[in-house]
């Protein structure tokens, strides 16, 4: 057997494999002998079928199987030995005059090669790393929300501006018959407010669903609609008032502090506010980190220039899936996936050059931390090491879950690397300002 490689250009090569009968004949004879021992052919005892008959009946198909096995092994070993970094999979070149009736065969495979490039970690324009703070306005809103959550409901005779209203929405034609509770301040517009103000239990209010609430998504819960239905829903409604209450806010005292954070975790309004701020900013940091990772990814793709074997990749995409694609479909798929492929190559280059990797021990420790956090949410703050070990092993035995955690850990390692090595500028913003800037 002879294997040669011809470089078409820096990104495309053709591997040629010449196979002679000497390469496969012994394996074919061995396989046919096994066939002979097992063959059930009328007129012959098992194991006594003439070899000539076995060859006539099975010889060609066995030869084809053995040549294909030899071919795949040879190609795979060649790629490893030559340390060829290929994209996609090798594509066999069609041969018009090919025939399995010969003793010698030549096969050719097209290869798309990964480009050589250097990663630019220092873009001219520094990337913004956001530090999101919980400002006084946000903390005041959160404290009031907590006080309301733990507050006391007091029945009222009529609806006032700060009332909680319980009743049933109805529309016979649209099959709406849903009991719901909402606050009047969630209702949109002065006209709608006037329809409620002063009303009492038993009164019926005529409403229109369109622009009824400040947030249209409230229609999902109050009317029992799906997300799709809520966006397009437009109907006349009747609402029968069944209960009116106001919420008397819970006092900012030790009893409330203990309910929210556990007994004696905080002991003053100042400590309570500081703890809320700390917890909020921890959550914001996760969101800011994800935004930073996205921004660095975009910058790396934009500033790291290299060519790809585009024509080869389109041909490979056309045959790689369960359903073959036309050339036009493969081109569109390539356009959709090119950006992701570029980042995969960049990430691989960064990881290799800087020895950033996820070992199994890293992954197990990461899984344990994830499991411990989950268990803490259910009150188990100090699980035993053996319990964590057993759960982690079960989780990692699931390939999909193991890959999800591995990807998450790799992102954390890359993020830490980027924070140390990429040109960044820190910008302190409120959460509201962050949303406006990032999702404008």
Protein backbone atom coordinates (compact mmCIF):
# COMPACT_ATOMS: atom_id res chain seq x y z
CA UNK A 1 0.00 0.00 0.00
CA UNK A 2 1.25 3.45 -0.94
CA UNK A 3 -0.02 6.78 0.46
CA UNK A 4 0.96 10.15 -0.98
CA UNK A 5 -0.25 13.70 -0.39
CA UNK A 6 -0.39 16.45 -2.98
CA UNK A 7 -0.82 20.01 -1.74
CA UNK A 8 -3.15 22.02 -3.96
CA UNK A 9 -2.59 25.17 -1.91
CA UNK A 10 -2.10 26.07 1.76
CA UNK A 11 -5.67 25.02 2.62
CA UNK A 12 -6.40 22.13 0.26
CA UNK A 13 -4.70 18.78 -0.33
CA UNK A 14 -5.43 15.46 -2.01
CA UNK A 15 -4.41 12.18 -0.40
CA UNK A 16 -3.88 9.26 -2.81
CA UNK A 17 -3.98 5.68 -1.54
CA UNK A 18 -2.86 2.80 -3.77
CA UNK A 19 -3.98 -0.67 -2.60
CA UNK A 20 -2.82 -3.97 -4.14
CA UNK A 21 -4.11 -7.50 -3.62
CA UNK A 22 -1.17 -8.20 -1.29
CA UNK A 23 -2.59 -5.63 1.13
CA UNK A 24 -5.95 -7.31 1.59
CA UNK A 25 -5.80 -10.88 0.26
CA UNK A 26 -4.81 -12.60 3.54
CA UNK A 27 -7.64 -10.89 5.41
CA UNK A 28 -10.11 -11.85 2.69
CA UNK A 29 -8.99 -15.52 2.84
CA UNK A 30 -9.34 -15.52 6.64
CA UNK A 31 -12.79 -14.01 6.49
CA UNK A 32 -13.93 -16.45 3.80
CA UNK A 33 -12.68 -19.35 5.93
CA UNK A 34 -14.86 -18.06 8.75
CA UNK A 35 -17.78 -17.82 6.34
CA UNK A 36 -17.19 -21.41 5.29
CA UNK A 37 -17.39 -22.64 8.91
CA UNK A 38 -20.72 -20.90 9.45
CA UNK A 39 -22.37 -21.08 6.01
CA UNK A 40 -25.68 -22.93 5.67
CA UNK A 41 -26.00 -23.90 1.99
CA UNK A 42 -28.54 -26.55 0.90
CA UNK A 43 -26.85 -29.84 -0.10
CA UNK A 44 -23.79 -29.36 2.10
CA UNK A 45 -23.10 -30.06 5.72
CA UNK A 46 -22.23 -27.04 7.84
CA UNK A 47 -18.48 -26.46 7.61
CA UNK A 48 -18.05 -28.64 4.52
CA UNK A 49 -19.08 -26.19 1.80
CA UNK A 50 -16.43 -26.11 -0.98
CA UNK A 51 -14.27 -23.00 -0.74
CA UNK A 52 -14.82 -22.37 -4.46
CA UNK A 53 -18.55 -22.03 -3.82
CA UNK A 54 -17.97 -19.77 -0.81
CA UNK A 55 -15.70 -17.53 -2.89
CA UNK A 56 -18.21 -17.41 -5.71
CA UNK A 57 -21.05 -16.43 -3.39
CA UNK A 58 -19.27 -14.17 -0.88
CA UNK A 59 -15.83 -13.40 -2.29
CA UNK A 60 -16.52 -10.03 -3.87
CA UNK A 61 -18.54 -8.56 -1.00
CA UNK A 62 -15.92 -9.71 1.55
CA UNK A 63 -13.15 -8.21 -0.57
CA UNK A 64 -15.00 -4.88 -0.78
CA UNK A 65 -15.54 -4.84 3.01
CA UNK A 66 -11.88 -5.59 3.73
CA UNK A 67 -10.61 -2.98 1.27
CA UNK A 68 -12.89 -0.35 2.82
CA UNK A 69 -11.70 -1.25 6.34
CA UNK A 70 -8.10 -1.08 5.19
CA UNK A 71 -8.75 2.22 3.43
CA UNK A 72 -10.36 3.90 6.44
CA UNK A 73 -7.65 2.69 8.83
CA UNK A 74 -4.89 3.80 6.47
CA UNK A 75 -6.38 7.26 5.96
CA UNK A 76 -7.03 7.78 9.68
CA UNK A 77 -3.51 6.70 10.64
CA UNK A 78 -1.98 8.87 7.92
CA UNK A 79 -3.76 12.00 9.20
CA UNK A 80 -2.51 11.29 12.74
CA UNK A 81 1.05 10.44 11.72
CA UNK A 82 1.35 13.50 9.47
CA UNK A 83 -0.28 15.66 12.15
CA UNK A 84 -2.72 17.11 9.63
CA UNK A 85 -5.27 19.47 11.15
CA UNK A 86 -8.26 18.90 8.88
CA UNK A 87 -11.61 20.66 8.80
CA UNK A 88 -14.71 18.53 8.33
CA UNK A 89 -13.97 15.03 7.04
CA UNK A 90 -11.97 13.82 4.01
CA UNK A 91 -14.12 13.70 0.88
CA UNK A 92 -13.64 10.80 -1.58
CA UNK A 93 -13.10 11.94 -5.16
CA UNK A 94 -15.34 10.23 -7.68
CA UNK A 95 -13.68 8.06 -10.38
CA UNK A 96 -15.60 7.45 -13.58
CA UNK A 97 -13.63 4.31 -14.57
CA UNK A 98 -13.52 2.73 -11.08
CA UNK A 99 -14.30 -1.00 -10.92
CA UNK A 100 -14.27 -3.56 -8.09
CA UNK A 101 -13.43 -6.27 -10.65
CA UNK A 102 -9.74 -5.30 -10.55
CA UNK A 103 -7.09 -6.50 -8.09
CA UNK A 104 -5.52 -3.09 -7.54
CA UNK A 105 -7.30 0.09 -6.53
CA UNK A 106 -6.53 3.78 -6.27
CA UNK A 107 -8.54 6.07 -4.03
CA UNK A 108 -8.27 9.84 -3.69
CA UNK A 109 -9.55 12.03 -0.88
CA UNK A 110 -9.87 15.80 -0.75
CA UNK A 111 -8.77 17.45 2.48
CA UNK A 112 -9.64 20.89 3.82
CA UNK A 113 -6.82 22.05 6.08
CA UNK A 114 -7.03 24.37 9.07
CA UNK A 115 -5.20 27.66 8.40
CA UNK A 116 -2.14 28.84 10.26
CA UNK A 117 -2.61 32.20 11.97
CA UNK A 118 -1.75 34.29 15.01
CA UNK A 119 -4.41 35.58 17.42
CA UNK A 120 -4.57 39.34 17.96
CA UNK A 121 -5.29 39.89 21.67
CA UNK A 122 -4.65 43.63 21.51
CA UNK A 123 -7.29 45.33 19.36
CA UNK A 124 -6.79 49.06 18.73
CA UNK A 125 -10.04 49.80 20.57
CA UNK A 126 -10.18 48.48 24.13
CA UNK A 127 -13.12 46.22 24.95
CA UNK A 128 -15.53 47.46 27.61
CA UNK A 129 -15.75 45.34 30.75
CA UNK A 130 -18.85 46.41 32.63
CA UNK A 131 -19.06 46.58 36.42
CA UNK A 132 -22.76 46.68 37.27
CA UNK A 133 -23.67 48.27 40.58
CA UNK A 134 -26.95 48.13 42.49
CA UNK A 135 -27.79 51.81 42.95
CA UNK A 136 -29.98 53.34 45.69
CA UNK A 137 -33.05 53.43 43.45
CA UNK A 138 -32.80 49.71 42.67
CA UNK A 139 -32.18 48.81 46.31
CA UNK A 140 -35.17 50.87 47.44
CA UNK A 141 -37.37 49.10 44.88
CA UNK A 142 -36.09 45.71 45.99
CA UNK A 143 -36.60 46.47 49.68
CA UNK A 144 -40.17 47.61 49.03
CA UNK A 145 -40.80 44.45 47.01
CA UNK A 146 -39.54 42.29 49.89
CA UNK A 147 -41.61 44.24 52.42
CA UNK A 148 -44.66 43.74 50.21
CA UNK A 149 -43.91 40.01 49.76
CA UNK A 150 -43.83 39.52 53.54
CA UNK A 151 -46.54 42.09 54.25
CA UNK A 152 -50.10 41.68 55.52
CA UNK A 153 -53.20 41.78 53.28
CA UNK A 154 -55.97 44.02 54.55
CA UNK A 155 -59.46 43.81 53.03
CA UNK A 156 -60.85 47.03 51.54
CA UNK A 157 -64.38 48.10 50.66
CA UNK A 158 -63.45 49.80 47.39
CA UNK A 159 -60.58 49.99 44.94
CA UNK A 160 -57.90 52.62 45.55
CA UNK A 161 -54.68 53.36 43.66
CA UNK A 162 -52.59 50.89 45.67
CA UNK A 163 -55.13 48.06 45.70
CA UNK A 164 -54.71 44.38 44.93
CA UNK A 165 -57.70 43.24 42.86
CA UNK A 166 -58.99 39.67 42.56
CA UNK A 167 -61.72 38.73 40.13
CA UNK A 168 -62.70 36.78 37.03
CA UNK A 169 -62.04 37.84 33.42
CA UNK A 170 -64.66 36.61 30.95
CA UNK A 171 -65.28 36.51 27.23
CA UNK A 172 -67.63 33.77 26.07
CA UNK A 173 -66.64 33.94 22.38
CA UNK A 174 -62.90 33.64 23.17
CA UNK A 175 -63.61 31.05 25.90
CA UNK A 176 -62.02 33.24 28.57
CA UNK A 177 -63.06 32.44 32.15
CA UNK A 178 -60.04 33.07 34.35
CA UNK A 179 -59.76 34.12 37.99
CA UNK A 180 -56.73 36.36 38.52
CA UNK A 181 -55.15 38.79 40.96
CA UNK A 182 -53.21 41.89 39.98
CA UNK A 183 -52.23 45.29 41.35
CA UNK A 184 -53.95 48.35 39.98
CA UNK A 185 -50.59 50.02 39.32
CA UNK A 186 -49.94 47.33 36.68
CA UNK A 187 -52.98 48.53 34.69
CA UNK A 188 -52.08 50.85 31.83
CA UNK A 189 -53.46 54.35 31.31
CA UNK A 190 -55.66 56.79 33.24
CA UNK A 191 -58.81 55.69 31.38
CA UNK A 192 -58.47 52.11 32.58
CA UNK A 193 -57.60 53.26 36.11
CA UNK A 194 -60.79 55.31 36.30
CA UNK A 195 -62.83 52.23 35.40
CA UNK A 196 -61.52 50.50 38.55
CA UNK A 197 -61.24 53.30 41.10
CA UNK A 198 -64.11 53.31 43.60
CA UNK A 199 -65.52 49.98 42.45
CA UNK A 200 -66.59 47.40 45.05
CA UNK A 201 -66.85 43.63 45.35
CA UNK A 202 -69.54 42.35 42.98
CA UNK A 203 -69.14 45.20 40.48
CA UNK A 204 -68.43 44.33 36.83
CA UNK A 205 -65.93 46.36 34.80
CA UNK A 206 -65.99 46.48 30.98
CA UNK A 207 -62.46 46.36 29.53
CA UNK A 208 -60.47 45.90 26.33
CA UNK A 209 -57.54 43.48 26.38
CA UNK A 210 -55.40 45.65 24.10
CA UNK A 211 -53.14 47.93 26.15
CA UNK A 212 -54.78 46.77 29.37
CA UNK A 213 -51.51 46.27 31.26
CA UNK A 214 -48.19 48.09 31.33
CA UNK A 215 -46.59 44.81 30.26
CA UNK A 216 -48.49 42.87 27.59
CA UNK A 217 -47.03 39.63 28.94
CA UNK A 218 -49.36 39.97 31.94
CA UNK A 219 -52.16 38.82 29.65
CA UNK A 220 -50.54 35.37 29.68
CA UNK A 221 -51.17 34.93 33.40
CA UNK A 222 -54.29 36.98 33.93
CA UNK A 223 -56.19 35.49 30.95
CA UNK A 224 -54.48 32.08 30.76
CA UNK A 225 -53.03 32.63 27.27
CA UNK A 226 -49.92 31.26 25.61
CA UNK A 227 -47.04 33.60 24.76
CA UNK A 228 -48.03 33.64 21.08
CA UNK A 229 -51.71 34.24 21.85
CA UNK A 230 -50.97 37.09 24.26
CA UNK A 231 -49.09 39.15 21.64
CA UNK A 232 -51.97 39.16 19.15
CA UNK A 233 -54.92 38.97 21.54
CA UNK A 234 -57.51 41.72 21.13
CA UNK A 235 -60.95 41.28 22.68
CA UNK A 236 -63.59 42.90 24.87
CA UNK A 237 -63.58 41.58 28.44
CA UNK A 238 -65.76 41.71 31.50
CA UNK A 239 -64.13 41.59 34.93
CA UNK A 240 -66.19 40.71 38.01
CA UNK A 241 -64.55 41.99 41.20
CA UNK A 242 -64.40 39.34 43.93
CA UNK A 243 -61.85 40.67 46.44
CA UNK A 244 -60.11 43.98 47.17
CA UNK A 245 -57.08 44.24 49.43
CA UNK A 246 -54.13 46.47 50.13
CA UNK A 247 -50.76 45.25 51.33
CA UNK A 248 -49.49 46.61 54.60
CA UNK A 249 -45.71 46.52 54.16
CA UNK A 250 -43.72 44.43 56.60
CA UNK A 251 -41.62 46.40 59.06
CA UNK A 252 -37.89 46.57 58.48
CA UNK A 253 -37.03 44.70 61.66
CA UNK A 254 -35.16 41.61 62.85
CA UNK A 255 -38.11 39.36 62.08
CA UNK A 256 -38.01 40.35 58.41
CA UNK A 257 -34.21 40.13 58.25
CA UNK A 258 -34.36 36.57 59.62
CA UNK A 259 -37.06 35.53 57.15
CA UNK A 260 -35.02 36.76 54.19
CA UNK A 261 -31.45 35.79 55.14
CA UNK A 262 -31.74 33.37 58.05
CA UNK A 263 -31.57 33.90 61.77
CA UNK A 264 -29.18 36.68 62.86
CA UNK A 265 -27.38 36.80 59.48
CA UNK A 266 -27.97 40.54 59.42
CA UNK A 267 -28.93 42.71 62.37
CA UNK A 268 -29.66 46.19 61.05
CA UNK A 269 -31.20 48.05 58.13
CA UNK A 270 -27.69 49.00 57.00
CA UNK A 271 -26.53 45.37 57.03
CA UNK A 272 -29.76 44.26 55.32
CA UNK A 273 -29.27 46.81 52.52
CA UNK A 274 -25.58 45.93 52.17
CA UNK A 275 -26.42 42.20 51.87
CA UNK A 276 -29.04 42.89 49.19
CA UNK A 277 -26.51 45.01 47.31
CA UNK A 278 -23.85 42.28 47.57
CA UNK A 279 -26.21 39.54 46.34
CA UNK A 280 -27.53 41.67 43.48
CA UNK A 281 -24.05 42.61 42.29
CA UNK A 282 -22.95 38.96 42.36
CA UNK A 283 -25.79 38.17 39.95
CA UNK A 284 -24.92 41.21 37.84
CA UNK A 285 -21.28 40.08 37.67
CA UNK A 286 -22.35 36.82 36.02
CA UNK A 287 -24.31 38.76 33.39
CA UNK A 288 -21.45 41.21 32.86
CA UNK A 289 -18.99 38.32 32.45
CA UNK A 290 -21.18 36.74 29.78
CA UNK A 291 -21.38 40.06 27.97
CA UNK A 292 -17.61 40.44 28.17
CA UNK A 293 -17.07 36.93 26.78
CA UNK A 294 -19.42 37.77 23.89
CA UNK A 295 -17.63 41.07 23.23
CA UNK A 296 -14.17 39.46 23.27
CA UNK A 297 -15.43 36.72 20.95
CA UNK A 298 -16.70 39.28 18.44
CA UNK A 299 -13.44 41.25 18.68
CA UNK A 300 -11.28 38.17 18.14
CA UNK A 301 -13.28 37.13 15.08
CA UNK A 302 -13.09 40.66 13.66
CA UNK A 303 -9.37 41.19 14.34
CA UNK A 304 -7.94 37.72 13.64
CA UNK A 305 -7.71 37.37 9.89
CA UNK A 306 -7.25 34.07 8.05
CA UNK A 307 -8.64 32.26 5.03
CA UNK A 308 -10.72 29.07 5.10
CA UNK A 309 -11.07 26.30 2.49
CA UNK A 310 -14.55 27.61 1.73
CA UNK A 311 -15.20 25.59 -1.43
CA UNK A 312 -14.19 22.33 0.30
CA UNK A 313 -16.31 23.09 3.38
CA UNK A 314 -19.37 23.77 1.24
CA UNK A 315 -18.90 20.44 -0.55
CA UNK A 316 -18.49 18.72 2.82
CA UNK A 317 -21.59 20.38 4.29
CA UNK A 318 -23.59 19.21 1.28
CA UNK A 319 -23.03 15.55 2.21
CA UNK A 320 -22.30 15.67 5.96
CA UNK A 321 -25.85 15.73 7.28
CA UNK A 322 -28.59 13.13 7.31
CA UNK A 323 -30.17 14.82 4.30
CA UNK A 324 -27.98 15.86 1.33
CA UNK A 325 -28.00 19.56 0.43
CA UNK A 326 -27.94 21.29 -2.91
CA UNK A 327 -24.96 23.54 -3.66
CA UNK A 328 -27.13 26.58 -2.92
CA UNK A 329 -28.29 25.16 0.43
CA UNK A 330 -24.71 24.26 1.37
CA UNK A 331 -23.57 27.81 0.56
CA UNK A 332 -26.24 29.28 2.84
CA UNK A 333 -25.34 26.83 5.62
CA UNK A 334 -21.68 27.76 5.25
CA UNK A 335 -22.51 31.45 5.59
CA UNK A 336 -24.48 30.72 8.77
CA UNK A 337 -21.76 28.57 10.32
CA UNK A 338 -18.60 30.38 9.17
CA UNK A 339 -18.46 32.73 12.14
CA UNK A 340 -18.79 29.87 14.63
CA UNK A 341 -16.10 27.86 12.84
CA UNK A 342 -13.73 30.82 12.89
CA UNK A 343 -14.17 31.20 16.65
CA UNK A 344 -13.68 27.45 17.20
CA UNK A 345 -10.32 27.71 15.45
CA UNK A 346 -9.37 30.86 17.38
CA UNK A 347 -10.39 29.31 20.70
CA UNK A 348 -8.45 26.15 19.87
CA UNK A 349 -5.36 28.20 19.01
CA UNK A 350 -5.57 30.22 22.25
CA UNK A 351 -6.13 27.08 24.31
CA UNK A 352 -3.20 25.25 22.72
CA UNK A 353 -0.76 28.16 22.87
CA UNK A 354 -1.59 28.93 26.51
CA UNK A 355 -2.19 25.40 27.79
CA UNK A 356 -5.81 26.13 28.69
CA UNK A 357 -7.51 22.79 29.11
CA UNK A 358 -10.19 20.97 31.07
CA UNK A 359 -8.93 17.83 32.79
CA UNK A 360 -11.27 15.20 34.19
CA UNK A 361 -10.30 16.21 37.74
CA UNK A 362 -11.05 19.86 36.90
CA UNK A 363 -14.42 18.80 35.54
CA UNK A 364 -15.26 16.66 38.55
CA UNK A 365 -14.38 19.49 40.99
CA UNK A 366 -16.48 21.88 38.91
CA UNK A 367 -19.40 19.44 38.91
CA UNK A 368 -19.14 19.07 42.68
CA UNK A 369 -19.29 22.83 43.12
CA UNK A 370 -22.33 23.02 40.87
CA UNK A 371 -24.05 20.19 42.77
CA UNK A 372 -23.21 21.76 46.13
CA UNK A 373 -24.83 25.03 45.04
CA UNK A 374 -27.94 23.18 43.92
CA UNK A 375 -28.15 21.26 47.21
CA UNK A 376 -27.75 24.48 49.22
CA UNK A 377 -30.91 25.83 47.59
CA UNK A 378 -32.80 22.94 49.20
CA UNK A 379 -31.28 23.50 52.64
CA UNK A 380 -28.40 20.99 52.50
CA UNK A 381 -25.50 23.32 53.24
CA UNK A 382 -22.87 20.72 54.22
CA UNK A 383 -23.18 17.55 52.09
CA UNK A 384 -20.68 14.77 52.74
CA UNK A 385 -17.77 14.40 50.32
CA UNK A 386 -18.79 10.82 49.39
CA UNK A 387 -22.30 12.00 48.52
CA UNK A 388 -20.89 14.76 46.29
CA UNK A 389 -18.47 12.28 44.68
CA UNK A 390 -21.25 9.78 43.90
CA UNK A 391 -23.57 12.42 42.44
CA UNK A 392 -20.75 13.95 40.38
CA UNK A 393 -19.86 10.55 38.92
CA UNK A 394 -23.50 9.95 37.95
CA UNK A 395 -23.80 13.40 36.38
CA UNK A 396 -20.58 13.01 34.38
CA UNK A 397 -21.63 9.57 33.13
CA UNK A 398 -24.24 11.43 31.06
CA UNK A 399 -22.34 12.57 27.97
CA UNK A 400 -24.61 15.53 27.23
CA UNK A 401 -24.41 16.81 30.80
CA UNK A 402 -20.65 16.24 30.92
CA UNK A 403 -20.22 18.23 27.70
CA UNK A 404 -22.43 21.05 28.99
CA UNK A 405 -20.39 21.35 32.19
CA UNK A 406 -17.09 21.00 30.29
CA UNK A 407 -18.07 23.83 27.92
CA UNK A 408 -19.11 25.98 30.87
CA UNK A 409 -15.82 25.35 32.67
CA UNK A 410 -13.80 26.06 29.53
CA UNK A 411 -15.66 29.36 29.13
CA UNK A 412 -14.72 30.26 32.71
CA UNK A 413 -11.06 29.45 32.06
CA UNK A 414 -11.07 31.47 28.83
CA UNK A 415 -12.80 34.38 30.54
CA UNK A 416 -10.13 34.44 33.26
CA UNK A 417 -7.45 34.38 30.53
CA UNK A 418 -9.12 37.21 28.61
CA UNK A 419 -9.39 39.37 31.73
CA UNK A 420 -5.63 39.05 32.19
CA UNK A 421 -4.49 39.32 28.57
CA UNK A 422 -7.00 41.28 26.47
CA UNK A 423 -6.98 45.08 26.33
CA UNK A 424 -9.97 46.08 28.45
CA UNK A 425 -11.47 49.26 29.90
CA UNK A 426 -13.73 48.99 32.96
CA UNK A 427 -16.97 50.95 33.01
CA UNK A 428 -19.17 51.22 36.10
CA UNK A 429 -22.89 51.35 35.32
CA UNK A 430 -26.26 50.71 36.91
CA UNK A 431 -28.20 47.69 35.72
CA UNK A 432 -30.60 49.96 33.83
CA UNK A 433 -27.67 51.66 32.07
CA UNK A 434 -26.11 48.27 31.28
CA UNK A 435 -29.31 47.06 29.60
CA UNK A 436 -29.58 50.25 27.55
CA UNK A 437 -25.97 50.11 26.35
CA UNK A 438 -25.69 46.39 25.65
CA UNK A 439 -29.17 45.64 24.31
CA UNK A 440 -29.95 48.98 22.68
